[in-house]
Protein backbone atom coordinates (compact mmCIF):
# COMPACT_ATOMS: atom_id res chain seq x y z
CA MET A 1 0.01 -0.46 0.12
CA ASP A 2 1.77 3.70 -1.60
CA LYS A 3 1.39 6.19 1.81
CA LYS A 4 2.16 9.96 0.38
CA TRP A 5 2.94 12.43 3.00
CA ILE A 6 3.20 15.89 3.65
CA PRO A 7 6.69 17.37 3.65
CA GLY A 8 7.49 18.21 6.93
CA TRP A 9 7.99 22.32 7.87
CA LEU A 10 8.88 22.19 11.49
CA LEU A 11 12.10 23.67 12.07
CA VAL A 12 13.94 24.81 15.27
CA GLY A 13 14.59 27.96 14.34
CA GLN A 14 10.93 28.04 13.73
CA LEU A 15 10.59 26.60 17.78
CA LEU A 16 12.44 29.21 18.40
CA LEU A 17 10.46 32.14 17.70
CA PHE A 18 7.31 31.36 18.51
CA ALA A 19 8.76 30.24 21.72
CA CYS A 20 7.02 31.67 24.26
CA TYR A 21 9.12 32.67 27.29
CA ASP A 22 8.25 32.17 31.18
CA GLU A 23 9.45 35.06 33.18
CA THR A 24 7.61 35.15 36.04
CA ASN A 25 10.12 32.12 37.35
CA THR A 26 11.56 33.65 40.32
CA TYR A 27 12.67 30.81 42.59
CA GLY A 28 16.21 30.94 43.74
CA ASP A 29 17.02 34.09 42.20
CA ASN A 30 19.68 34.96 45.39
CA LEU A 31 21.55 31.60 44.82
CA VAL A 32 21.93 30.34 41.40
CA GLU A 33 20.48 31.34 38.19
CA SER A 34 17.98 29.21 36.75
CA ALA A 35 19.01 26.50 34.41
CA PHE A 36 15.40 25.78 32.91
CA ARG A 37 13.02 27.49 30.64
CA ASN A 38 9.61 27.39 30.01
CA VAL A 39 8.44 27.26 26.44
CA MET A 40 5.42 27.57 24.56
CA VAL A 41 4.26 26.62 20.63
CA ASP A 42 2.36 25.59 18.28
CA THR A 43 3.70 25.26 15.37
CA CYS A 44 4.42 20.77 15.59
CA THR A 45 3.71 19.59 12.03
CA VAL A 46 1.08 17.61 12.22
CA THR A 47 0.27 15.43 8.92
CA VAL A 48 -3.15 14.04 7.67
CA THR A 49 -3.88 11.37 5.81
CA SER A 50 -7.35 9.34 5.44
CA THR A 51 -8.11 5.61 4.75
CA VAL A 52 -11.44 4.20 4.17
CA ILE A 53 -11.80 0.91 5.47
CA ASP A 54 -12.31 -2.47 3.28
CA SER A 55 -15.64 -2.84 4.37
CA LEU A 56 -18.65 -2.37 7.02
CA GLU A 57 -20.55 -4.86 9.33
CA THR A 58 -24.07 -4.10 8.74
CA THR A 59 -25.96 -7.21 9.78
CA GLY A 60 -28.52 -7.53 13.15
CA GLN A 61 -28.09 -3.80 14.34
CA GLY A 62 -31.68 -3.22 14.73
CA LEU A 63 -31.53 -0.96 12.43
CA ALA A 64 -32.16 -0.87 8.67
CA LEU A 65 -30.48 3.09 7.12
CA VAL A 66 -32.37 4.24 3.94
CA GLY A 67 -32.39 7.31 2.30
CA CYS A 68 -29.42 9.37 0.42
CA TYR A 69 -27.84 12.17 1.83
CA THR A 70 -25.62 14.47 -0.86
CA HIS A 71 -22.41 16.04 1.23
CA PRO A 72 -21.27 19.07 -0.15
CA SER A 73 -17.57 17.99 -0.76
CA TRP A 74 -17.39 14.05 -1.07
CA GLY A 75 -20.81 13.72 -3.15
CA THR A 76 -23.73 11.24 -2.58
CA VAL A 77 -23.98 8.39 -0.06
CA SER A 78 -27.68 6.08 -0.54
CA ALA A 79 -28.34 3.48 1.81
CA SER A 80 -30.76 0.56 0.65
CA ALA A 81 -32.54 -1.83 2.80
CA TYR A 82 -32.15 -6.04 2.93
CA LEU A 83 -34.83 -7.49 5.24
CA PRO A 84 -35.59 -11.45 4.97
CA TYR A 85 -38.50 -12.72 7.57
CA ALA A 86 -39.13 -15.29 10.06
CA THR A 87 -41.09 -18.05 9.52
CA PRO A 88 -44.34 -16.41 10.56
CA SER A 89 -46.92 -18.22 13.83
CA TYR A 90 -50.27 -18.05 12.55
CA ASN A 91 -53.33 -19.44 14.64
CA THR A 92 -56.60 -19.21 12.93
CA ASP A 93 -58.86 -22.13 13.15
CA ALA A 94 -58.44 -23.73 9.62
CA ASP A 95 -62.33 -24.74 10.23
CA GLU A 96 -62.91 -20.83 9.48
CA THR A 97 -63.39 -18.94 6.54
CA VAL A 98 -60.94 -15.46 6.12
CA TYR A 99 -60.84 -13.10 3.83
CA LEU A 100 -57.98 -10.50 2.46
CA ASP A 101 -57.73 -6.69 4.01
CA SER A 102 -54.22 -6.00 3.28
CA LEU A 103 -50.58 -6.79 3.23
CA VAL A 104 -48.08 -3.35 4.69
CA LEU A 105 -45.30 -3.27 5.53
CA SER A 106 -44.25 -1.20 8.22
CA LEU A 107 -42.09 0.94 9.01
CA ASP A 108 -41.02 2.94 12.04
CA TYR A 109 -39.07 5.45 12.25
CA GLN A 110 -34.92 4.81 14.60
CA GLY A 111 -34.78 8.74 15.41
CA TYR A 112 -31.75 8.96 13.22
CA SER A 113 -31.73 11.44 9.86
CA ILE A 114 -29.27 13.37 8.15
CA GLY A 115 -29.76 15.13 5.38
CA ASP A 116 -32.12 18.00 4.41
CA THR A 117 -36.31 16.46 6.10
CA THR A 118 -38.76 19.11 5.10
CA GLN A 119 -38.25 17.60 1.16
CA PRO A 120 -39.88 14.88 0.32
CA MET A 121 -38.75 11.05 0.04
CA ARG A 122 -39.80 8.20 -2.33
CA LEU A 123 -39.29 4.52 -1.09
CA THR A 124 -39.71 1.49 -3.89
CA VAL A 125 -40.09 -2.04 -2.64
CA HIS A 126 -38.21 -4.81 -4.75
CA ARG A 127 -38.79 -8.91 -4.21
CA LEU A 128 -35.19 -10.52 -3.64
CA GLN A 129 -34.96 -13.16 -6.04
CA GLU A 130 -32.56 -15.38 -4.32
CA ARG A 131 -32.18 -16.08 -0.33
CA ILE A 132 -29.88 -14.51 1.90
CA PHE A 133 -27.20 -15.86 3.51
CA LEU A 134 -23.50 -14.51 6.43
CA ASN A 135 -20.90 -14.56 4.94
CA ASP A 136 -17.95 -17.59 6.31
CA ASN A 137 -17.73 -15.25 9.03
CA GLY A 138 -21.25 -14.55 10.06
CA TYR A 139 -21.69 -11.31 9.20
CA LEU A 140 -22.63 -9.37 6.17
CA TYR A 141 -21.41 -5.58 5.24
CA ASN A 142 -22.06 -2.19 3.62
CA ASN A 143 -21.22 -3.97 0.04
CA SER A 144 -22.91 -7.01 0.13
CA SER A 145 -25.52 -7.30 -2.30
CA PHE A 146 -28.74 -9.96 -3.60
CA ALA A 147 -30.95 -9.86 -6.25
CA TYR A 148 -33.39 -8.05 -6.33
CA ASP A 149 -36.06 -7.85 -9.09
CA PRO A 150 -35.53 -4.13 -10.69
CA GLU A 151 -39.64 -3.90 -11.26
CA PRO A 152 -41.02 -2.16 -8.28
CA MET A 153 -43.17 -4.23 -6.18
CA ALA A 154 -45.26 -0.94 -4.46
CA SER A 155 -43.73 2.70 -3.48
CA CYS A 156 -44.30 5.06 -1.24
CA THR A 157 -43.87 9.52 -1.18
CA PHE A 158 -44.11 11.02 2.41
CA LEU A 159 -42.47 13.54 4.14
CA PRO A 160 -39.87 12.28 6.98
CA ARG A 161 -40.94 12.99 10.36
CA PRO A 162 -38.28 10.65 12.16
CA GLY A 163 -38.74 12.37 15.62
CA GLU A 164 -42.48 12.19 15.90
CA GLY A 165 -42.62 8.24 16.70
CA ARG A 166 -45.00 7.76 13.68
CA LYS A 167 -44.87 5.05 11.10
CA VAL A 168 -43.94 5.05 7.37
CA GLU A 169 -46.88 2.02 5.83
CA ILE A 170 -46.16 0.92 2.54
CA ARG A 171 -49.32 -1.19 0.80
CA LEU A 172 -47.43 -4.14 -0.58
CA PRO A 173 -49.48 -6.40 -3.22
CA ASP A 174 -52.94 -7.80 -3.24
CA GLU A 175 -51.70 -10.72 -4.62
CA LEU A 176 -48.90 -11.71 -2.69
CA GLY A 177 -51.33 -10.97 0.21
CA GLU A 178 -53.83 -13.45 -0.36
CA ASP A 179 -51.07 -16.34 -1.21
CA LEU A 180 -49.37 -15.17 1.64
CA LEU A 181 -52.77 -16.03 3.32
CA GLU A 182 -54.01 -19.15 1.87
CA ARG A 183 -50.77 -21.43 2.41
CA LEU A 184 -50.35 -20.11 5.98
CA HIS A 185 -54.71 -21.15 6.96
CA ARG A 186 -54.78 -24.48 5.38
CA ARG A 187 -51.13 -24.81 6.85
CA ASP A 188 -49.06 -24.89 3.53
CA ASP A 189 -45.02 -26.45 4.24
CA THR A 190 -43.90 -23.63 2.43
CA MET A 191 -45.19 -21.80 5.57
CA GLU A 192 -42.29 -23.92 8.35
CA ASP A 193 -38.75 -23.31 9.37
CA GLU A 194 -36.19 -23.32 6.00
CA ARG A 195 -39.13 -23.75 3.37
CA PHE A 196 -40.45 -20.26 4.10
CA GLU A 197 -36.63 -18.43 2.71
CA GLN A 198 -36.94 -20.81 0.44
CA TYR A 199 -40.86 -19.73 -0.90
CA PHE A 200 -40.38 -15.74 0.07
CA ASN A 201 -37.04 -14.68 -0.03
CA GLY A 202 -37.96 -10.90 1.40
CA LEU A 203 -37.95 -7.57 0.33
CA VAL A 204 -35.62 -4.27 -0.46
CA VAL A 205 -36.77 -1.63 0.07
CA VAL A 206 -34.92 1.33 -2.23
CA PRO A 207 -34.94 5.42 -2.46
CA ASP A 208 -35.96 6.76 -5.11
CA PRO A 209 -32.13 9.62 -6.14
CA THR A 210 -35.16 11.47 -8.16
CA VAL A 211 -37.19 12.14 -4.73
CA CYS A 212 -34.75 12.05 -1.76
CA GLN A 213 -32.50 14.44 0.12
CA SER A 214 -32.23 12.73 3.62
CA ALA A 215 -31.57 9.31 5.29
CA LEU A 216 -33.37 7.07 7.74
CA ALA A 217 -32.87 4.83 10.16
CA PHE A 218 -36.37 2.80 10.64
CA SER A 219 -36.28 0.20 13.41
CA VAL A 220 -36.31 -3.87 12.84
CA GLY A 221 -37.54 -6.01 15.10
CA ASP A 222 -40.26 -8.74 15.94
CA SER A 223 -42.88 -5.66 14.72
CA ALA A 224 -40.87 -3.20 13.42
CA SER A 225 -39.68 -3.36 9.19
CA ALA A 226 -42.63 -6.06 10.20
CA LEU A 227 -44.95 -7.49 7.63
CA ILE A 228 -49.09 -6.79 8.87
CA LEU A 229 -50.81 -9.67 6.90
CA HIS A 230 -54.98 -8.15 7.83
CA TYR A 231 -57.45 -9.66 7.77
CA ARG A 232 -60.89 -11.02 8.21
CA ILE A 233 -62.60 -14.17 9.90
CA GLU A 234 -66.44 -14.80 8.69
CA ASP A 235 -68.54 -15.03 11.61
CA ALA A 236 -71.57 -13.24 13.23
CA TYR A 237 -69.11 -10.18 13.77
CA ALA A 238 -66.62 -10.49 10.43
CA GLU A 239 -63.55 -9.58 13.15
CA GLU A 240 -60.93 -8.36 12.52
CA SER A 241 -57.22 -10.22 12.77
CA GLU A 242 -53.35 -10.18 11.55
CA CYS A 243 -50.80 -12.05 11.39
CA VAL A 244 -47.21 -10.31 11.75
CA ILE A 245 -44.56 -11.35 10.06
CA SER A 246 -40.76 -10.70 11.85
CA PRO A 247 -37.65 -9.68 10.03
CA ASN A 248 -35.06 -11.82 10.65
CA THR A 249 -32.78 -10.11 12.18
CA ASP A 250 -29.81 -11.55 12.12
CA LYS A 251 -30.05 -11.34 8.55
CA GLN A 252 -30.77 -8.06 8.07
CA PHE A 253 -28.46 -6.05 6.63
CA TYR A 254 -28.21 -2.57 4.63
CA HIS A 255 -26.32 -1.70 1.22
CA VAL A 256 -24.25 1.23 0.29
CA ASP A 257 -24.01 3.25 -2.84
CA HIS A 258 -21.81 6.30 -2.76
CA ASP A 259 -20.82 8.25 -6.47
CA ARG A 260 -18.02 10.52 -5.80
CA SER A 261 -18.46 11.85 -8.99
CA GLY A 262 -16.38 15.22 -9.44
CA THR A 263 -15.38 15.50 -5.61
CA GLU A 264 -11.39 15.28 -5.27
CA MET A 265 -12.76 11.50 -4.27
CA ASP A 266 -12.82 10.97 -8.09
CA GLY A 267 -11.29 8.09 -8.97
CA LEU A 268 -9.18 6.91 -6.16
CA PRO A 269 -9.55 3.26 -5.01
CA THR A 270 -12.27 2.22 -2.56
CA LYS A 271 -10.85 0.14 -0.45
CA LYS A 272 -7.38 -0.72 1.72
CA PHE A 273 -5.23 2.37 0.55
CA GLU A 274 -4.32 6.56 2.53
CA VAL A 275 -4.27 8.85 0.97
CA ALA A 276 -2.47 12.11 1.96
CA SER A 277 -4.74 15.67 3.11
CA ALA A 278 -3.33 17.94 0.17
CA ASP A 279 -4.56 15.27 -2.35
CA LEU A 280 -8.33 15.98 -0.85
CA GLY A 281 -8.00 19.74 -1.28
CA ASN A 282 -5.95 19.71 2.48
CA ARG A 283 -7.66 18.05 4.66
CA GLY A 284 -9.06 14.67 6.24
CA VAL A 285 -12.42 12.95 6.61
CA LEU A 286 -14.39 11.06 9.00
CA PHE A 287 -17.43 8.66 6.85
CA GLY A 288 -19.66 6.63 8.79
CA GLY A 289 -21.50 4.01 6.88
CA ILE A 290 -18.45 4.66 3.97
CA GLY A 291 -15.59 4.34 6.25
CA TRP A 292 -13.05 7.08 6.54
CA TYR A 293 -10.90 7.27 9.77
CA SER A 294 -7.76 9.54 9.43
CA ARG A 295 -4.64 9.41 10.77
CA LEU A 296 -2.61 12.06 12.87
CA GLN A 297 1.40 12.14 12.14
CA PHE A 298 4.04 14.25 13.87
CA PRO A 299 6.84 13.49 12.21
CA HIS A 300 9.22 16.73 13.33
CA LEU A 301 8.58 16.38 17.65
CA ASN A 302 12.40 15.27 18.35
CA ASN A 303 13.47 18.26 17.16
CA ILE A 304 12.99 20.41 20.16
CA LEU A 305 15.39 17.77 21.70
CA GLU A 306 18.08 20.37 20.22
CA LEU A 307 16.68 23.49 22.05
CA GLY A 308 18.60 21.56 25.40
CA GLU A 309 20.83 19.57 27.71
CA ARG A 310 17.90 17.95 28.20
CA VAL A 311 13.50 18.66 26.97
CA SER A 312 11.17 16.90 28.54
CA ILE A 313 7.09 18.40 28.12
CA GLU A 314 5.11 19.30 30.30
CA SER A 315 1.44 19.61 28.53
CA ALA A 316 0.17 19.08 24.89
CA TYR A 317 -3.34 19.52 23.12
CA LEU A 318 -4.35 19.09 19.89
CA ARG A 319 -7.23 21.74 18.36
CA ILE A 320 -9.34 20.48 15.41
CA TYR A 321 -10.94 22.36 13.71
CA PRO A 322 -13.86 21.38 11.31
CA GLU A 323 -13.82 22.34 7.69
CA VAL A 324 -16.62 25.62 7.66
CA GLY A 325 -19.46 24.61 5.38
CA SER A 326 -19.00 20.87 6.29
CA TRP A 327 -21.75 21.05 7.92
CA SER A 328 -25.13 22.37 9.09
CA ALA A 329 -28.21 21.80 10.77
CA ASP A 330 -29.30 19.18 8.13
CA ASN A 331 -25.51 17.74 8.50
CA PRO A 332 -24.56 18.55 12.88
CA LEU A 333 -21.05 18.03 14.17
CA PRO A 334 -20.75 14.66 16.27
CA ASP A 335 -20.17 15.10 19.62
CA SER A 336 -17.42 12.61 19.97
CA LEU A 337 -14.49 11.83 18.11
CA TYR A 338 -11.82 9.16 19.36
CA LEU A 339 -7.90 8.98 19.47
CA TYR A 340 -5.93 5.64 19.22
CA ILE A 341 -2.83 4.84 18.92
CA VAL A 342 -0.99 3.12 16.33
CA ASP A 343 1.88 1.70 15.21
CA GLU A 344 4.36 2.14 11.65
CA ASN A 345 1.40 -0.22 10.31
CA ASN A 346 -1.54 1.30 11.52
CA VAL A 347 -1.97 -0.96 13.47
CA VAL A 348 -4.18 -0.08 17.32
CA THR A 349 -2.45 -0.83 20.13
CA ASP A 350 -3.24 2.12 22.67
CA ALA A 351 -5.97 4.72 23.45
CA VAL A 352 -5.38 8.01 24.28
CA MET A 353 -6.89 8.63 27.56
CA ASP A 354 -8.53 10.32 29.45
CA TYR A 355 -7.51 12.15 32.69
CA LEU A 356 -9.19 8.98 35.01
CA GLY A 357 -7.08 6.65 32.79
CA GLU A 358 -10.79 5.17 32.54
CA GLU A 359 -12.44 5.99 29.23
CA VAL A 360 -10.96 6.52 25.80
CA GLN A 361 -11.02 10.28 25.78
CA SER A 362 -13.68 11.93 23.01
CA GLY A 363 -12.66 15.29 23.48
CA THR A 364 -14.22 18.29 23.65
CA LEU A 365 -16.22 19.87 21.24
CA TYR A 366 -16.18 23.94 20.86
CA GLU A 367 -18.87 26.11 19.59
CA ASP A 368 -18.75 29.50 18.33
CA ASP A 369 -22.32 29.94 16.94
CA THR A 370 -21.22 33.51 16.49
CA TYR A 371 -17.40 33.08 14.18
CA ARG A 372 -18.28 29.47 13.04
CA GLU A 373 -14.07 29.47 11.95
CA ASN A 374 -13.51 29.27 15.86
CA THR A 375 -15.32 25.63 15.93
CA TYR A 376 -13.18 22.88 17.49
CA TYR A 377 -12.19 20.15 18.91
CA SER A 378 -9.70 19.65 21.96
CA PHE A 379 -7.81 16.53 23.45
CA ASP A 380 -5.12 16.15 25.60
CA VAL A 381 -2.76 14.62 24.25
CA SER A 382 0.52 14.97 26.78
CA GLU A 383 1.14 11.60 27.74
CA PHE A 384 1.36 10.75 24.62
CA MET A 385 3.39 13.08 23.46
CA GLN A 386 5.24 13.13 26.77
CA GLU A 387 6.08 8.83 25.69
CA GLU A 388 6.96 9.60 21.63
CA LEU A 389 9.44 11.99 22.37
CA GLY A 390 12.91 10.57 21.52
CA ALA A 391 11.35 7.85 19.82
CA SER A 392 12.02 6.75 15.74
CA GLY A 393 12.27 4.35 13.35
CA GLN A 394 9.35 1.05 13.98
CA TYR A 395 9.04 3.05 17.50
CA LYS A 396 7.48 5.91 16.05
CA HIS A 397 3.18 6.35 16.84
CA GLY A 398 0.14 7.93 15.11
CA LEU A 399 -2.91 8.64 15.91
CA GLN A 400 -6.46 7.84 14.54
CA LEU A 401 -9.19 9.45 14.12
CA VAL A 402 -12.16 7.95 14.40
CA PHE A 403 -16.09 7.27 15.48
CA ASN A 404 -17.18 5.00 17.35
CA ASP A 405 -18.06 1.56 16.05
CA ASP A 406 -21.75 2.32 16.23
CA THR A 407 -21.32 6.23 14.53
CA TYR A 408 -19.95 3.47 11.67
CA THR A 409 -22.33 0.87 10.89
CA GLN A 410 -25.49 2.60 11.75
CA THR A 411 -25.36 6.07 10.49
CA PHE A 412 -23.66 8.70 8.23
CA ARG A 413 -22.52 10.87 10.35
CA ASN A 414 -19.58 12.61 9.06
CA MET A 415 -16.18 15.52 9.86
CA THR A 416 -14.09 17.48 7.38
CA PHE A 417 -11.00 19.67 8.60
CA ASN A 418 -8.77 21.43 7.79
CA ASP A 419 -4.51 19.98 8.02
CA GLN A 420 -1.79 23.22 7.99
CA GLN A 421 -2.48 24.85 5.26
CA SER A 422 -5.75 26.76 5.83
CA ASP A 423 -6.47 29.92 7.18
CA TYR A 424 -8.19 27.33 10.58
CA PRO A 425 -5.72 24.67 10.94
CA ILE A 426 -4.85 21.93 13.00
CA VAL A 427 -2.95 22.70 15.97
CA LEU A 428 -0.45 21.34 18.25
CA GLN A 429 0.42 23.05 21.52
CA LEU A 430 2.77 21.59 23.18
CA ILE A 431 4.32 23.16 26.52
CA PHE A 432 7.86 21.63 27.21
CA LYS A 433 10.45 22.36 29.69
CA VAL A 434 14.07 23.11 28.66
CA TYR A 435 17.57 22.71 30.62
CA GLU A 436 20.72 24.16 29.95
CA SER A 437 22.01 21.96 31.91
CA TYR A 438 21.82 19.02 34.67
C-alpha cells in the first residue's frame, strides 16, 4: 500500500521564533541562575492522511438505513435495506373462513436522520430473487448485495418525520397477501421453518434518487419493519385479525453506494489505501456508513530535543477545526471523536485515555455560534507526546482519529477538517521545559 505524506516544515528556528518564555520564575534568584526555561509552541508539524475501511458490518444492527444524502464536498451516499423474514406464526383455525384486508410493510422510525427532511422521500419495495446467506464469518457488510427484481412491487412517497414516533406503512400487492394468507390458513408446508425463506426470500427497500434528499434509520425487530397481514374471519361479528411476519434480525442488513463523481475522491481506490490531505483539498475526513477515518503524525517532534541539554514536555493539546460549510442543521457535527495510538503499519496499539485513565478520550467540542471558524475539538494528548518524545524508526507512533463503532455502522455521520495549509489549521500546542544544564 503506497503512502504519501505532506513534507514537514517544523524547524528549530521556527520553534524559537514562536516560543513563549516564562519570565515569572524567580525561585532561587538569590542563590543560582535558573537552569531551565518554559517554552510554548503551536507550530509543530501535523501530517494528515485519510483511509477508507475495507467494509463495515451492517448485519444485525437492529436498524435499516435507507435514503440518500449529498455532502457538499464528498458526493452522494445512498443506502438500501435488505429484509429477509422469519417463519410466521399463524393461529386462526383452519375451519374458519378468512378474507384478506391488506398486506403492509410497517417501518418504524428509529430516530436518526441526516439531510433535508422537509423534502419528500420516495421509497420503492422490491422482492428478493435469492435467499440471503451470511458470509463464512457470520456477517454481511455495507458492500454486500443480493439479486432483487428491478421492477418495484410497491412504492410510497411521504414527508419524513423521524422524531415524531410515527410509522411509514407501504401497502404491498394483494396478490402476495392473498397467497400468504391462503398458504398460512391451509398450513402449507412452505410456511414452515427453512422452507419459508425458500418460498419468500424477502424484500429490499430502495430510495428513489429523484425524490430523496435525506437518509433515515428504521428500527428492525419483532414488529418493526415487519409485514402485517390484515385479514377478517367470517363469523357473526366479521372479526378483524392480523398476522405479524417478523424480520429475520440475524440476516437483515443495509447496502451502501457512494457516488464520488466530480469530487476530490473521484478516481481514488475504494478500499485499502491512504491518501494525503493535499490530495483531498488539504483536508482530512471521517464518514460513517462508508468508513473513512484519518491518521495524524508528528514527524518533527524530536526537533525540540535540540533546544537544550534536556527537554521535557509538560502538556500537549491537539485542536481540530471542522471545515466551515461542511456541517449544518441537516448535518450536525458529531458530539464525540476518538483518538487511538497506531504503529507504523496503522495497527492500533493503545488509546488516548481520559484524565482518569478509564475511558477513551472523546474530545471536547467547542462551538462558536457567532464565528463558526472558531469551532474546534480539543484533546489532551500530553501523555502520548511525553511517551513519543525521543522515539524513532519503528518505535514512532501516530494517532488514529475515528468515530465509535455504532456511528460507523449505523449512520452517515461525518466530519471534514483542515490540515495545516488553511486559515484555521489543525494545531498541536506544546508546553515544555528546556534545561540548559543538569
